[in-house]
């Protein structure tokens, strides 16, 4: 289930990440979704890849995600 926009992201992502990090998440998720089309755990893989992409550009400082 690729995300058409950041408004479609799960609430846990939308409520916690800044807009740019949400865009990174959605883009990475959508790319991973396509790359792993035949995988039985496709969605879980895509979410892990998306979080890894966010963590390359952002870090958690207290309760906030801030750019590195």
C-alpha atoms as a PDB file:
ATOM      1  CA  UNK A   1       0.000   0.000   0.000  1.00  0.00           C
ATOM      2  CA  UNK A   2       2.166   2.874  -1.213  1.00  0.00           C
ATOM      3  CA  UNK A   3       1.430   6.338   0.125  1.00  0.00           C
ATOM      4  CA  UNK A   4       0.052   8.879  -2.353  1.00  0.00           C
ATOM      5  CA  UNK A   5       0.856  11.757   0.005  1.00  0.00           C
ATOM      6  CA  UNK A   6       2.146  12.359   3.508  1.00  0.00           C
ATOM      7  CA  UNK A   7      -1.466  12.779   4.635  1.00  0.00           C
ATOM      8  CA  UNK A   8      -1.865   9.027   4.057  1.00  0.00           C
ATOM      9  CA  UNK A   9       0.989   8.092   6.412  1.00  0.00           C
ATOM     10  CA  UNK A  10       0.153   6.250   9.636  1.00  0.00           C
ATOM     11  CA  UNK A  11      -0.697   8.605  12.526  1.00  0.00           C
ATOM     12  CA  UNK A  12       2.413   7.500  14.437  1.00  0.00           C
ATOM     13  CA  UNK A  13       4.578   8.835  11.628  1.00  0.00           C
ATOM     14  CA  UNK A  14       2.530  11.958  10.860  1.00  0.00           C
ATOM     15  CA  UNK A  15       2.261  13.024  14.490  1.00  0.00           C
ATOM     16  CA  UNK A  16       5.922  12.578  15.385  1.00  0.00           C
ATOM     17  CA  UNK A  17       8.014  13.561  12.360  1.00  0.00           C
ATOM     18  CA  UNK A  18       8.590  16.987  10.805  1.00  0.00           C
ATOM     19  CA  UNK A  19       7.143  17.409   7.300  1.00  0.00           C
ATOM     20  CA  UNK A  20      10.466  16.869   5.512  1.00  0.00           C
ATOM     21  CA  UNK A  21      11.079  13.651   7.441  1.00  0.00           C
ATOM     22  CA  UNK A  22       7.560  12.516   6.521  1.00  0.00           C
ATOM     23  CA  UNK A  23       8.400  13.103   2.859  1.00  0.00           C
ATOM     24  CA  UNK A  24      11.568  11.040   3.258  1.00  0.00           C
ATOM     25  CA  UNK A  25       9.575   8.273   4.945  1.00  0.00           C
ATOM     26  CA  UNK A  26       6.905   8.167   2.232  1.00  0.00           C
ATOM     27  CA  UNK A  27       9.437   8.210  -0.590  1.00  0.00           C
ATOM     28  CA  UNK A  28      11.581   5.465   0.952  1.00  0.00           C
ATOM     29  CA  UNK A  29       8.523   3.359   1.793  1.00  0.00           C
ATOM     30  CA  UNK A  30       7.145   3.627  -1.737  1.00  0.00           C
ATOM     31  CA  UNK A  31      10.502   2.709  -3.297  1.00  0.00           C
ATOM     32  CA  UNK A  32      10.940  -0.254  -0.950  1.00  0.00           C
ATOM     33  CA  UNK A  33       7.357  -1.369  -1.625  1.00  0.00           C
ATOM     34  CA  UNK A  34       8.164  -1.596  -5.340  1.00  0.00           C
ATOM     35  CA  UNK A  35      11.588  -3.221  -4.825  1.00  0.00           C
ATOM     36  CA  UNK A  36      10.254  -5.987  -2.589  1.00  0.00           C
ATOM     37  CA  UNK A  37       7.129  -6.831  -4.575  1.00  0.00           C
ATOM     38  CA  UNK A  38       7.403 -10.597  -4.126  1.00  0.00           C
ATOM     39  CA  UNK A  39       8.360 -10.653  -0.457  1.00  0.00           C
ATOM     40  CA  UNK A  40       5.795 -12.165   1.922  1.00  0.00           C
ATOM     41  CA  UNK A  41       6.616  -9.516   4.556  1.00  0.00           C
ATOM     42  CA  UNK A  42       6.741  -6.684   2.029  1.00  0.00           C
ATOM     43  CA  UNK A  43       5.029  -4.090   4.215  1.00  0.00           C
ATOM     44  CA  UNK A  44       7.246  -4.726   7.252  1.00  0.00           C
ATOM     45  CA  UNK A  45      10.363  -4.501   5.071  1.00  0.00           C
ATOM     46  CA  UNK A  46       9.172  -1.226   3.548  1.00  0.00           C
ATOM     47  CA  UNK A  47       8.494   0.287   6.985  1.00  0.00           C
ATOM     48  CA  UNK A  48      11.951  -0.730   8.263  1.00  0.00           C
ATOM     49  CA  UNK A  49      13.623   0.781   5.200  1.00  0.00           C
ATOM     50  CA  UNK A  50      11.579   3.982   5.543  1.00  0.00           C
ATOM     51  CA  UNK A  51      12.561   4.413   9.212  1.00  0.00           C
ATOM     52  CA  UNK A  52      16.208   3.783   8.329  1.00  0.00           C
ATOM     53  CA  UNK A  53      16.013   6.519   5.680  1.00  0.00           C
ATOM     54  CA  UNK A  54      14.547   8.966   8.195  1.00  0.00           C
ATOM     55  CA  UNK A  55      17.245   8.119  10.740  1.00  0.00           C
ATOM     56  CA  UNK A  56      19.980   8.980   8.214  1.00  0.00           C
ATOM     57  CA  UNK A  57      18.726  12.562   8.061  1.00  0.00           C
ATOM     58  CA  UNK A  58      17.127  13.016  11.471  1.00  0.00           C
ATOM     59  CA  UNK A  59      17.818  12.086  15.057  1.00  0.00           C
ATOM     60  CA  UNK A  60      15.601  12.011  18.075  1.00  0.00           C
ATOM     61  CA  UNK A  61      16.319  14.705  20.674  1.00  0.00           C
ATOM     62  CA  UNK A  62      14.044  14.129  23.617  1.00  0.00           C
ATOM     63  CA  UNK A  63      10.570  13.826  22.131  1.00  0.00           C
ATOM     64  CA  UNK A  64      11.423  15.697  18.920  1.00  0.00           C
ATOM     65  CA  UNK A  65      12.998  14.561  15.672  1.00  0.00           C
ATOM     66  CA  UNK A  66      15.611  17.091  14.505  1.00  0.00           C
ATOM     67  CA  UNK A  67      17.748  17.287  11.367  1.00  0.00           C
ATOM     68  CA  UNK A  68      21.281  15.982  11.678  1.00  0.00           C
END
